Structure formats: structure tokens, C-alpha cells
Amino acid sequence: MKVQILQLDAHEDLASARDKLAWAQAQRVVLVWPDRARVLRKKLDLVLIRRQAARQGCELGLVTRDPVVLEHAAELGIPVFRSTTRMPEEFWKTAAAPPISPPPRPGAREAVVRPLRDQPHPIPAWLRTTMIGLLVLVLAGAVLALAPSSTITISPAQREQQADILLTLDPRAETADADGHIPARLETLRLTGEIRVTTTGKTQVPGHPASGEVIFSNLTDESILVPAGTGVLPAGRPDLRFATVADLELPPGKAASARVGVVAARPGLAGNLPPDSLDAIDGPLGLRATVAQPDRLTGGTEIERGAVAPADHATALRLLTEQILADASSKIDDGLEPGEALAPASLRVVRTPRRSYDREIGATADSVHLDLTLELTAFVYRTEDLQVAAGLALSGRLPSSATAVPGSLAWTIREADPSRPEVLLVNANQQVYAPIPASTVRRLVRGMPPSEASARLAALPGQAQPAEIESAPTWWPFLPWLEVRIRVRMPWEPL
């Protein structure tokens, strides 16, 4: 009788299983459960599926190892087969009350379809191979761990490699490279400061006014009052005005005269005039009287005072600029992340928004005050990037037979070109050595007594001091034959 096999999927549910069953065309239909999925495990699911099969007029069979499905199938009398290739006819005939396995035949081994939990699970071949391999590795590791071992410390001769390297701080770079470019960050800030400096210039300023006596003469027949403060001056020289110091009354009559003291309106040497210099009277009084200066006017002096020299402006600007640069450097340093550094030579003034002096050049003053605002930029870099770039640069200059000693790289930043703030001049140095192949050392001394091995190692060229041999256990009289148990190290490598 024709049998149609329907394979269930891992995501199968009752509705989809019934849909598959509805398309069946054979008189017998076998549903095959997936091996690892757990689908249609409810008893009601099997009841409904069997009803669907009965309505279609076909017999239902199962191929499954799921113990729950096996149990429900036994209760419902649904035949269960071990595979799709072996479906005994007698299983179908006993479907009304089916056993889980076909009836035993005399003299034959009973074929039983046991629940999955009762069947043995053979170990896959790949798993057995893996387990055996792991066991072998564990045993080999144990043997190696217990076998004698030796550590040989080789101290090769070292020499210093030194070079001056130009490194470029590049904000566009992502990593340090062998061309000397290292990543950098451009810092921009704006700072304001003020300063007062003592002036160094000198200038002469008026001290005391000149003084003396003049003679007023009456030109009328009436008495004339010459009040104090009446101005007299040389004709045509209004800048040399003198004033009387007291009231003077001239008697009536022409040629009547009298003396009165005068003092210069402005202090200074200019008031020291020779005789007959003052000959004019200021104002309408000059129409009624005349003035004469028979004696020299003296007493006018000048004194020396401080003044703003051009160098004072320059000094104030230089000192305040240095102070602002120092403040900017300190401010940037305070904001650095761990491992970052400021390139001091890159700190530059890019703009001066404000520069104001309170005294002009030449002004009389003992000091000058400056207000200054500067915009500055500077480069910040990571010392790790500088170290990498310096190491790459030195490595590029190493001969093929030399190797750098790890951790020996050191550097010093020198003064660079002031016109190129993005360039660092770095003096880098490191220790280098000619390596002695570890494989050569192992082959040379394996299986030897330590004293003989030391003698052989002493003959190797390029050593700064004799090699040291340490064995474990210490009482073992020979170095290991297995090269993997001989470790060759340099003094700077960890034990």
C-alpha cells in the first residue's frame, strides 16, 4: 500500500501540520518529527491530527524519538516507526491498539521502539577525537611541566644610538608615522593683562619764574594808578608776559615815574631777559604811560623730570607679553589630559585686539601703564606619540644586524626654528645590541652539564658579561635535552 511521508519542520505548529496533512494523496501518511526540535508535544495535537487523517480516509503513522510524543502515540494507538525506511506491515494492522514496538517473532530478536530517554546516545566521532586530543595535550603538558627546565640569561654588548630628529605636529594626522608626523591639537585662547613700568626718559620742565623791576613813566598831567597784575612784555612777544606784583600810583605830570617789581607769567629760563627787553604795557594803560627795564631780569629756572621714552613702550609691551604667554602656558597645562604635553615653542601671538598706553612717548611721567589683549595659539601632543615617532625614526637608521633595547628610548626637546612653531627638534637616543639567536644557544648547550654549557656560552661573541644558567630542579646535573625546556632571555626581560 502506498505510503506518503511528510517531514515536520522545527517551527511547526498544529495548523501548519494539518495543512500539510490535507495535501496528502496516499492511503497511509507518516509524519516525521525533526531530531532536535520539540514540536506538537501536546496529546490534543495528536488527537486532532489523527481526526484530520480519518476524515481524509488515510492511516496515520509517526517517526519520532521524542519521549513525550511516543507516550501520547502509545495511548492513542498511533503506530510509531524507528525510521522512514523500515515500516513493518504488522505495525499498521495493530493500529487500533498499537504497541510501541512490533510483536516479537519466535527465534528473532524483539524489535522495540523505545522512548528516546531509554535509548543509548553514541558519542559522535568528532567529539571522541576532540576528547582524545585534549587528553593527549593534558598528558603532554603534565610531562613538560614535570620535566627539568633551564633559564639562560644572555647579556649582549650594548652601544648608544643617538640622532637629532625633526617631528612635525600635525592636527590632521591620526597616528605617528616614520615620516616624523605626530597627531596634535591646536589650542586657541584670548587673555588680557596690564602692567606699569618706570619711565627711563628725561626732560626739562620750567622751575621758577624770572623776576626784576621796571620803571613806569606818566605821559599825562594826571596821576595814574597801575594796579597789581598789570602786564608788561617785549614788543611783539606775547609769550614773555610779566605782571606787576603790587599797585603803583604815578604822580601827575609828564615824565613822572616810579619803580615796581614784576614777575614772569610762566616759569622757566625764557624769562631771564637782558636789560631794555620789556618795553610794552598790556592793555589801554599803554596809551597813558610807558615802561622801561633798566636792569636784567633773573631767577627763571628749569628742573629735570622723568619722561616716556620709546624704549619704555617697548619694555612694557615685552614684559606684559611674556607675562601673558606664561599665564597661557600655565592655563593650557592645567587643562591637559594625562599623557599630554604642550609644545612650548609653539605658543604664539596671532592677534592683538587691544594695546593702550596711558602716556604717549615724550610725555612727562614717572611711569607708563599698558593694557594689552592677545589672542594666542599652541600645539598640544601626546608624549606616547612622540615616543613612537622617535622610535620609528631611530629604527629606520638602525643597521640590519642591530636591535633596540626595549624601554631604553629617551629624548630631549631642543630649541626649534622660531619661524616653524609646528616643528619639534628632538634629540633621541637608545641602547642597541646585536642579538644572539636563541635557537643557537639552545642547540649549543642542550643535555650538557652547567659548567660545560657555561664554557661554551662564554665563547659566543658579542657578550658584555658571561651568561647565567639557572636550572629547576637545582640539583639536576644536566641541562634539558628538550629545547622547549630551555628558555633564553635578556637581562631586561622578566624572569
Protein backbone atom coordinates (compact mmCIF):
# COMPACT_ATOMS: atom_id res chain seq x y z
CA MET A 1 0.00 0.00 0.00
CA LYS A 2 1.29 3.45 -0.88
CA VAL A 3 2.85 5.46 1.98
CA GLN A 4 3.39 9.25 1.85
CA ILE A 5 5.99 10.74 4.17
CA LEU A 6 5.57 14.31 5.48
CA GLN A 7 8.54 15.98 7.19
CA LEU A 8 7.72 18.35 10.05
CA ASP A 9 9.84 21.50 10.50
CA ALA A 10 11.38 22.79 13.72
CA HIS A 11 8.88 25.66 13.85
CA GLU A 12 5.84 23.54 13.03
CA ASP A 13 2.53 24.08 14.86
CA LEU A 14 -0.85 22.28 14.74
CA ALA A 15 -2.30 24.44 11.98
CA SER A 16 0.64 24.02 9.61
CA ALA A 17 0.82 20.26 10.30
CA ARG A 18 -2.88 19.86 9.46
CA ASP A 19 -2.36 21.90 6.30
CA LYS A 20 0.41 19.53 5.20
CA LEU A 21 -1.79 16.54 6.01
CA ALA A 22 -4.64 18.00 3.93
CA TRP A 23 -2.47 17.76 0.80
CA ALA A 24 -1.67 14.07 1.33
CA GLN A 25 -2.78 11.75 -1.54
CA ALA A 26 -1.78 8.31 -0.18
CA GLN A 27 -3.78 5.87 1.96
CA ARG A 28 -1.06 5.92 4.61
CA VAL A 29 0.67 9.06 5.85
CA VAL A 30 3.77 9.13 8.09
CA LEU A 31 4.67 12.35 9.96
CA VAL A 32 8.43 12.66 10.65
CA TRP A 33 9.46 14.73 13.71
CA PRO A 34 12.70 16.78 13.48
CA ASP A 35 15.52 15.35 15.59
CA ARG A 36 16.32 18.31 17.82
CA ALA A 37 13.10 20.33 17.80
CA ARG A 38 10.24 19.74 20.19
CA VAL A 39 7.00 20.26 18.23
CA LEU A 40 3.43 19.05 18.63
CA ARG A 41 4.08 17.59 22.08
CA LYS A 42 0.51 18.00 23.37
CA LYS A 43 -1.74 14.98 23.35
CA LEU A 44 -4.55 17.10 21.93
CA ASP A 45 -2.33 17.91 18.93
CA LEU A 46 -2.08 14.19 18.04
CA VAL A 47 -5.80 13.68 18.60
CA LEU A 48 -6.71 16.46 16.18
CA ILE A 49 -4.15 15.32 13.60
CA ARG A 50 -5.46 11.76 13.75
CA ARG A 51 -9.03 13.05 13.25
CA GLN A 52 -7.90 15.01 10.22
CA ALA A 53 -6.34 11.86 8.78
CA ALA A 54 -9.52 9.85 9.47
CA ARG A 55 -11.65 12.44 7.67
CA GLN A 56 -9.35 12.11 4.65
CA GLY A 57 -9.66 8.30 4.81
CA CYS A 58 -5.97 7.60 5.44
CA GLU A 59 -3.99 5.87 8.17
CA LEU A 60 -1.57 7.91 10.31
CA GLY A 61 1.90 6.84 11.43
CA LEU A 62 4.78 8.62 13.20
CA VAL A 63 8.59 8.63 13.07
CA THR A 64 9.93 10.30 16.22
CA ARG A 65 12.31 9.94 19.16
CA ASP A 66 10.59 12.49 21.36
CA PRO A 67 9.64 10.58 24.56
CA VAL A 68 6.59 12.75 25.16
CA VAL A 69 5.22 12.17 21.65
CA LEU A 70 5.99 8.45 21.94
CA GLU A 71 3.99 8.27 25.15
CA HIS A 72 0.98 10.07 23.66
CA ALA A 73 1.12 7.91 20.50
CA ALA A 74 1.05 4.72 22.58
CA GLU A 75 -2.02 5.93 24.46
CA LEU A 76 -3.85 6.87 21.23
CA GLY A 77 -2.86 3.73 19.30
CA ILE A 78 -0.91 5.55 16.61
CA PRO A 79 1.86 3.36 15.12
CA VAL A 80 5.41 4.62 15.63
CA PHE A 81 8.37 3.60 13.44
CA ARG A 82 12.09 3.95 14.03
CA SER A 83 12.82 5.28 10.55
CA THR A 84 11.18 6.03 7.23
CA THR A 85 12.92 3.06 5.58
CA ARG A 86 11.54 0.32 7.81
CA MET A 87 7.79 0.27 8.35
CA PRO A 88 6.60 -3.32 9.12
CA GLU A 89 3.11 -4.14 7.88
CA GLU A 90 2.12 -5.62 11.21
CA PHE A 91 2.53 -2.16 12.85
CA TRP A 92 -0.23 -0.79 10.60
CA LYS A 93 -2.52 -3.77 11.27
CA THR A 94 -2.43 -3.24 15.03
CA ALA A 95 -3.13 0.45 14.79
CA ALA A 96 -6.39 0.12 16.74
CA ALA A 97 -4.38 -0.76 19.84
CA PRO A 98 -0.79 -0.48 18.74
CA PRO A 99 2.15 -1.44 20.85
CA ILE A 100 5.15 0.82 20.78
CA SER A 101 7.08 -1.99 19.13
CA PRO A 102 6.04 -4.81 16.74
CA PRO A 103 5.11 -8.23 18.27
CA PRO A 104 8.09 -10.49 18.77
CA ARG A 105 8.73 -13.29 16.33
CA PRO A 106 9.80 -16.71 17.54
CA GLY A 107 13.51 -17.10 17.41
CA ALA A 108 14.02 -13.50 16.39
CA ARG A 109 15.28 -10.59 18.41
CA GLU A 110 12.48 -8.43 19.55
CA ALA A 111 12.37 -5.07 17.76
CA VAL A 112 11.34 -2.42 20.20
CA VAL A 113 10.89 1.26 19.58
CA ARG A 114 11.97 2.64 22.91
CA PRO A 115 11.47 6.18 24.12
CA LEU A 116 14.39 8.48 23.43
CA ARG A 117 15.36 8.59 27.09
CA ASP A 118 15.81 4.81 27.15
CA GLN A 119 17.98 4.64 24.01
CA PRO A 120 21.75 4.92 24.17
CA HIS A 121 23.33 8.05 22.74
CA PRO A 122 26.53 7.17 20.89
CA ILE A 123 29.28 9.81 21.14
CA PRO A 124 29.92 11.43 17.74
CA ALA A 125 33.26 10.64 16.14
CA TRP A 126 34.38 14.29 16.09
CA LEU A 127 33.67 14.60 19.81
CA ARG A 128 35.62 11.42 20.58
CA THR A 129 38.57 12.72 18.53
CA THR A 130 38.46 16.06 20.31
CA MET A 131 38.34 14.44 23.75
CA ILE A 132 41.25 12.17 22.92
CA GLY A 133 43.27 15.11 21.58
CA LEU A 134 42.60 17.14 24.72
CA LEU A 135 43.65 14.21 26.88
CA VAL A 136 46.89 13.88 24.93
CA LEU A 137 47.58 17.60 25.31
CA VAL A 138 46.93 17.44 29.04
CA LEU A 139 49.26 14.49 29.43
CA ALA A 140 51.95 16.16 27.30
CA GLY A 141 51.60 19.36 29.33
CA ALA A 142 51.94 17.42 32.55
CA VAL A 143 55.09 15.71 31.27
CA LEU A 144 56.58 19.03 30.19
CA ALA A 145 55.66 20.68 33.47
CA LEU A 146 57.41 17.98 35.44
CA ALA A 147 60.44 17.74 33.16
CA PRO A 148 63.62 19.63 34.14
CA SER A 149 63.99 23.17 32.79
CA SER A 150 66.74 25.78 32.48
CA THR A 151 66.86 29.53 32.03
CA ILE A 152 69.88 31.08 30.32
CA THR A 153 70.41 34.84 30.63
CA ILE A 154 72.48 36.31 27.80
CA SER A 155 73.88 39.85 28.26
CA PRO A 156 74.80 41.20 24.80
CA ALA A 157 77.10 44.19 24.46
CA GLN A 158 75.23 47.47 24.02
CA ARG A 159 76.02 50.76 22.37
CA GLU A 160 74.17 54.07 22.21
CA GLN A 161 72.35 55.24 19.12
CA GLN A 162 71.70 58.99 19.03
CA ALA A 163 70.18 61.34 16.47
CA ASP A 164 68.52 64.74 16.11
CA ILE A 165 65.03 64.30 14.69
CA LEU A 166 62.56 66.84 13.34
CA LEU A 167 58.98 65.96 14.28
CA THR A 168 56.03 67.82 12.79
CA LEU A 169 52.95 68.49 14.93
CA ASP A 170 50.09 67.76 12.53
CA PRO A 171 46.42 68.24 13.59
CA ARG A 172 45.37 66.18 10.55
CA ALA A 173 47.47 63.13 11.49
CA GLU A 174 45.75 60.23 13.25
CA THR A 175 48.84 58.22 14.24
CA ALA A 176 52.57 58.81 14.48
CA ASP A 177 54.45 57.72 11.38
CA ALA A 178 58.00 57.14 10.23
CA ASP A 179 58.00 60.47 8.34
CA GLY A 180 58.01 62.32 11.67
CA HIS A 181 54.36 63.41 11.76
CA ILE A 182 52.62 63.12 15.11
CA PRO A 183 48.98 63.93 15.93
CA ALA A 184 48.48 67.30 17.65
CA ARG A 185 45.66 69.52 18.87
CA LEU A 186 45.66 73.27 18.22
CA GLU A 187 44.67 75.25 21.33
CA THR A 188 43.36 78.83 20.92
CA LEU A 189 42.80 81.28 23.78
CA ARG A 190 42.38 85.01 24.46
CA LEU A 191 43.98 86.67 27.51
CA THR A 192 44.13 90.24 28.87
CA GLY A 193 46.73 91.81 31.17
CA GLU A 194 48.10 95.12 32.38
CA ILE A 195 51.44 96.44 33.57
CA ARG A 196 53.06 99.68 34.77
CA VAL A 197 56.76 100.35 34.22
CA THR A 198 59.04 103.17 35.31
CA THR A 199 59.99 105.61 32.58
CA THR A 200 63.62 106.00 31.57
CA GLY A 201 63.43 109.20 29.50
CA LYS A 202 64.37 112.68 30.82
CA THR A 203 63.04 116.13 30.00
CA GLN A 204 63.48 119.72 31.26
CA VAL A 205 60.41 121.44 32.70
CA PRO A 206 60.04 125.04 33.97
CA GLY A 207 61.02 125.53 37.62
CA HIS A 208 60.83 129.12 38.91
CA PRO A 209 59.75 132.30 37.08
CA ALA A 210 62.17 135.17 36.39
CA SER A 211 61.64 138.49 38.21
CA GLY A 212 63.03 142.07 38.46
CA GLU A 213 61.96 145.73 38.38
CA VAL A 214 60.56 148.05 35.76
CA ILE A 215 60.00 151.84 35.65
CA PHE A 216 56.60 153.24 34.68
CA SER A 217 56.55 156.87 33.36
CA ASN A 218 53.43 159.09 33.21
CA LEU A 219 52.52 160.62 29.83
CA THR A 220 49.68 162.76 31.24
CA ASP A 221 49.17 165.61 33.70
CA GLU A 222 47.04 163.37 35.91
CA SER A 223 48.02 160.78 38.45
CA ILE A 224 47.76 157.18 37.15
CA LEU A 225 47.07 154.06 39.15
CA VAL A 226 48.95 150.99 37.84
CA PRO A 227 47.17 148.07 39.53
CA ALA A 228 48.97 144.88 40.58
CA GLY A 229 48.95 142.32 37.78
CA THR A 230 49.40 144.85 35.04
CA GLY A 231 51.15 143.08 32.17
CA VAL A 232 54.35 144.22 30.56
CA LEU A 233 56.19 142.46 27.75
CA PRO A 234 58.67 142.85 24.94
CA ALA A 235 57.04 144.35 21.91
CA GLY A 236 55.78 141.56 19.64
CA ARG A 237 56.46 138.79 22.19
CA PRO A 238 53.19 137.99 23.98
CA ASP A 239 54.67 134.68 25.16
CA LEU A 240 57.10 136.58 27.50
CA ARG A 241 54.50 138.41 29.55
CA PHE A 242 55.38 139.73 33.01
CA ALA A 243 52.98 141.10 35.65
CA THR A 244 53.43 143.75 38.33
CA VAL A 245 53.50 142.45 41.87
CA ALA A 246 51.95 145.48 43.61
CA ASP A 247 49.79 148.56 42.99
CA LEU A 248 51.69 151.61 41.74
CA GLU A 249 50.45 155.24 41.66
CA LEU A 250 52.26 157.55 39.23
CA PRO A 251 52.32 161.23 40.26
CA PRO A 252 50.72 163.75 37.87
CA GLY A 253 52.85 165.40 35.31
CA LYS A 254 54.70 164.30 32.31
CA ALA A 255 57.91 162.39 32.94
CA ALA A 256 56.76 161.43 36.45
CA SER A 257 57.97 157.87 37.07
CA ALA A 258 58.12 155.14 39.70
CA ARG A 259 59.61 151.63 40.12
CA VAL A 260 57.62 148.42 40.72
CA GLY A 261 58.53 144.73 40.83
CA VAL A 262 57.45 142.32 38.07
CA VAL A 263 57.45 138.50 37.76
CA ALA A 264 57.22 136.28 34.66
CA ALA A 265 53.82 134.79 33.93
CA ARG A 266 55.48 131.41 33.13
CA PRO A 267 58.39 129.80 34.95
CA GLY A 268 61.50 128.82 33.10
CA LEU A 269 64.72 130.10 31.64
CA ALA A 270 62.91 132.07 28.94
CA GLY A 271 62.07 134.81 31.48
CA ASN A 272 65.73 135.68 32.12
CA LEU A 273 65.83 138.72 29.84
CA PRO A 274 68.59 141.26 29.32
CA PRO A 275 68.02 144.98 30.12
CA ASP A 276 65.66 147.02 27.96
CA SER A 277 63.69 143.91 26.91
CA LEU A 278 60.34 144.90 28.45
CA ASP A 279 59.05 147.97 26.61
CA ALA A 280 55.28 147.48 26.17
CA ILE A 281 52.29 147.77 28.53
CA ASP A 282 49.45 145.32 28.06
CA GLY A 283 46.04 146.96 27.62
CA PRO A 284 44.77 150.59 27.31
CA LEU A 285 47.17 151.74 30.04
CA GLY A 286 49.85 151.71 27.36
CA LEU A 287 48.33 154.90 25.89
CA ARG A 288 48.86 156.85 29.12
CA ALA A 289 52.18 155.57 30.35
CA THR A 290 55.42 153.95 29.26
CA VAL A 291 57.57 151.22 30.79
CA ALA A 292 61.31 150.67 30.84
CA GLN A 293 63.56 147.82 32.13
CA PRO A 294 66.87 149.23 33.22
CA ASP A 295 68.19 146.00 34.85
CA ARG A 296 68.42 142.35 33.84
CA LEU A 297 65.53 140.02 34.77
CA THR A 298 66.81 136.92 36.57
CA GLY A 299 65.70 133.89 38.64
CA GLY A 300 64.00 131.86 35.92
CA THR A 301 64.96 128.15 36.25
CA GLU A 302 64.19 124.71 34.79
CA ILE A 303 64.24 121.29 36.50
CA GLU A 304 64.77 117.74 35.07
CA ARG A 305 61.80 115.33 35.19
CA GLY A 306 61.12 111.77 34.03
CA ALA A 307 59.59 111.31 30.59
CA VAL A 308 58.25 108.44 28.45
CA ALA A 309 60.95 107.22 26.10
CA PRO A 310 60.23 104.98 23.05
CA ALA A 311 62.03 102.16 24.83
CA ASP A 312 59.55 102.41 27.72
CA HIS A 313 56.64 101.47 25.45
CA ALA A 314 58.69 98.59 24.04
CA THR A 315 59.69 97.38 27.52
CA ALA A 316 56.11 97.43 28.78
CA LEU A 317 54.93 95.51 25.72
CA ARG A 318 57.69 92.89 26.01
CA LEU A 319 57.23 92.30 29.74
CA LEU A 320 53.45 92.09 29.55
CA THR A 321 53.58 89.80 26.51
CA GLU A 322 55.94 87.46 28.38
CA GLN A 323 53.63 87.51 31.38
CA ILE A 324 50.55 86.70 29.28
CA LEU A 325 52.44 83.90 27.48
CA ALA A 326 53.41 82.42 30.85
CA ASP A 327 49.80 82.64 32.03
CA ALA A 328 48.62 81.00 28.81
CA SER A 329 51.15 78.18 29.20
CA SER A 330 50.01 77.60 32.78
CA LYS A 331 46.35 77.65 31.76
CA ILE A 332 46.90 75.13 28.96
CA ASP A 333 48.95 72.89 31.27
CA ASP A 334 46.12 72.86 33.80
CA GLY A 335 43.72 71.60 31.13
CA LEU A 336 45.89 68.82 29.73
CA GLU A 337 44.77 65.20 29.88
CA PRO A 338 47.12 62.59 31.36
CA GLY A 339 49.90 61.82 28.88
CA GLU A 340 49.53 65.13 27.01
CA ALA A 341 52.17 67.86 26.74
CA LEU A 342 52.37 71.41 25.46
CA ALA A 343 54.94 72.27 22.80
CA PRO A 344 56.31 75.46 24.46
CA ALA A 345 57.85 76.90 21.30
CA SER A 346 54.50 76.66 19.51
CA LEU A 347 52.82 79.15 21.88
CA ARG A 348 52.42 82.19 19.64
CA VAL A 349 50.59 85.53 19.50
CA VAL A 350 48.39 85.56 16.41
CA ARG A 351 46.46 88.82 17.00
CA THR A 352 46.49 91.87 19.28
CA PRO A 353 42.90 93.12 19.66
CA ARG A 354 43.87 95.82 22.21
CA ARG A 355 47.06 97.74 23.11
CA SER A 356 46.62 101.00 25.04
CA TYR A 357 49.23 103.20 26.82
CA ASP A 358 48.17 105.91 29.29
CA ARG A 359 51.14 108.15 28.32
CA GLU A 360 52.44 108.97 24.88
CA ILE A 361 56.13 108.97 24.01
CA GLY A 362 57.77 112.20 25.24
CA ALA A 363 55.14 112.90 27.89
CA THR A 364 56.40 113.92 31.33
CA ALA A 365 55.73 110.99 33.67
CA ASP A 366 57.49 108.80 36.17
CA SER A 367 55.73 105.64 34.87
CA VAL A 368 53.65 104.41 31.95
CA HIS A 369 50.71 101.95 32.10
CA LEU A 370 49.79 99.41 29.38
CA ASP A 371 46.53 97.48 28.83
CA LEU A 372 47.00 94.54 26.45
CA THR A 373 44.74 91.81 25.00
CA LEU A 374 46.30 88.96 23.00
CA GLU A 375 44.96 86.01 21.02
CA LEU A 376 47.31 83.01 21.17
CA THR A 377 47.62 79.51 19.73
CA ALA A 378 49.67 76.49 20.77
CA PHE A 379 50.06 72.82 19.87
CA VAL A 380 49.33 70.00 22.34
CA TYR A 381 50.53 66.45 21.66
CA ARG A 382 50.71 63.09 23.41
CA THR A 383 54.13 62.04 24.69
CA GLU A 384 53.31 58.48 23.64
CA ASP A 385 53.01 59.62 20.01
CA LEU A 386 56.32 61.49 20.28
CA GLN A 387 57.96 58.35 21.65
CA VAL A 388 56.54 56.23 18.83
CA ALA A 389 57.68 58.70 16.16
CA ALA A 390 61.16 59.00 17.69
CA GLY A 391 61.43 55.21 17.93
CA LEU A 392 60.37 54.79 14.30
CA ALA A 393 62.88 57.40 13.18
CA LEU A 394 65.72 55.73 15.09
CA SER A 395 64.70 52.27 13.91
CA GLY A 396 64.88 53.47 10.31
CA ARG A 397 68.54 54.38 10.89
CA LEU A 398 69.50 51.09 12.55
CA PRO A 399 71.68 48.61 10.66
CA SER A 400 70.01 45.28 9.92
CA SER A 401 72.19 43.48 12.47
CA ALA A 402 71.16 45.67 15.43
CA THR A 403 68.09 45.69 17.67
CA ALA A 404 66.92 48.34 20.12
CA VAL A 405 66.86 47.52 23.83
CA PRO A 406 63.21 47.73 24.92
CA GLY A 407 62.50 50.66 27.23
CA SER A 408 65.84 52.40 26.60
CA LEU A 409 64.48 55.17 24.38
CA ALA A 410 64.92 58.69 25.80
CA TRP A 411 64.57 62.12 24.26
CA THR A 412 65.12 65.82 24.88
CA ILE A 413 63.28 68.65 23.11
CA ARG A 414 65.62 71.37 21.89
CA GLU A 415 65.05 74.89 20.60
CA ALA A 416 63.47 74.71 17.16
CA ASP A 417 63.21 77.21 14.32
CA PRO A 418 61.12 80.17 15.64
CA SER A 419 59.54 80.56 12.21
CA ARG A 420 58.19 77.00 12.32
CA PRO A 421 56.26 76.56 15.59
CA GLU A 422 54.79 73.26 14.41
CA VAL A 423 58.22 71.56 14.27
CA LEU A 424 59.93 69.97 17.28
CA LEU A 425 63.67 69.38 17.27
CA VAL A 426 64.15 66.23 19.35
CA ASN A 427 67.42 64.68 20.40
CA ALA A 428 66.59 60.95 20.74
CA ASN A 429 68.84 58.17 21.97
CA GLN A 430 68.51 54.49 22.80
CA GLN A 431 70.64 51.44 23.53
CA VAL A 432 71.07 48.88 20.73
CA TYR A 433 72.67 45.44 20.56
CA ALA A 434 73.43 42.62 18.15
CA PRO A 435 71.03 39.77 19.05
CA ILE A 436 72.32 36.25 19.67
CA PRO A 437 69.79 33.72 18.23
CA ALA A 438 68.07 31.76 20.99
CA SER A 439 67.93 28.65 18.79
CA THR A 440 71.73 28.71 18.51
CA VAL A 441 72.11 28.91 22.28
CA ARG A 442 69.70 26.00 22.86
CA ARG A 443 71.36 23.71 20.34
CA LEU A 444 74.78 24.58 21.72
CA VAL A 445 74.13 23.55 25.33
CA ARG A 446 71.25 21.04 25.46
CA GLY A 447 71.95 17.98 27.55
CA MET A 448 75.24 19.36 28.90
CA PRO A 449 76.36 19.83 32.49
CA PRO A 450 76.02 23.50 33.53
CA SER A 451 79.80 24.01 33.83
CA GLU A 452 80.46 22.77 30.30
CA ALA A 453 77.50 24.79 28.98
CA SER A 454 78.89 27.95 30.60
CA ALA A 455 82.25 27.39 28.95
CA ARG A 456 80.61 27.01 25.54
CA LEU A 457 78.45 30.07 26.01
CA ALA A 458 81.49 32.13 27.01
CA ALA A 459 82.90 31.54 23.55
CA LEU A 460 79.94 33.25 21.89
CA PRO A 461 80.96 36.70 20.55
CA GLY A 462 79.22 39.99 21.36
CA GLN A 463 78.59 39.47 25.11
CA ALA A 464 79.06 42.12 27.75
CA GLN A 465 79.38 39.56 30.56
CA PRO A 466 79.23 35.74 30.94
CA ALA A 467 75.88 34.05 30.54
CA GLU A 468 74.00 32.92 33.65
CA ILE A 469 72.35 29.49 33.88
CA GLU A 470 69.57 28.60 36.32
CA SER A 471 68.07 25.10 36.38
CA ALA A 472 65.00 23.61 38.01
CA PRO A 473 65.28 21.47 39.97
CA THR A 474 68.60 22.91 41.09
CA TRP A 475 70.08 19.52 41.82
CA TRP A 476 69.54 18.24 38.26
CA PRO A 477 73.05 17.68 36.81
CA PHE A 478 72.28 18.39 33.14
CA LEU A 479 70.52 20.91 31.00
CA PRO A 480 67.34 19.57 29.36
CA TRP A 481 67.54 17.69 26.09
CA LEU A 482 64.22 19.17 25.06
CA GLU A 483 64.90 22.59 23.60
CA VAL A 484 61.42 23.77 24.59
CA ARG A 485 62.52 23.39 28.23
CA ILE A 486 65.46 25.75 27.72
CA ARG A 487 64.50 29.39 27.95
CA VAL A 488 66.88 32.04 26.60
CA ARG A 489 66.28 35.58 27.90
CA MET A 490 67.89 39.03 28.00
CA PRO A 491 68.52 40.86 31.29
CA TRP A 492 65.72 43.35 30.59
CA GLU A 493 63.12 40.62 30.02
CA PRO A 494 61.02 39.47 33.00
CA LEU A 495 62.01 36.28 34.73
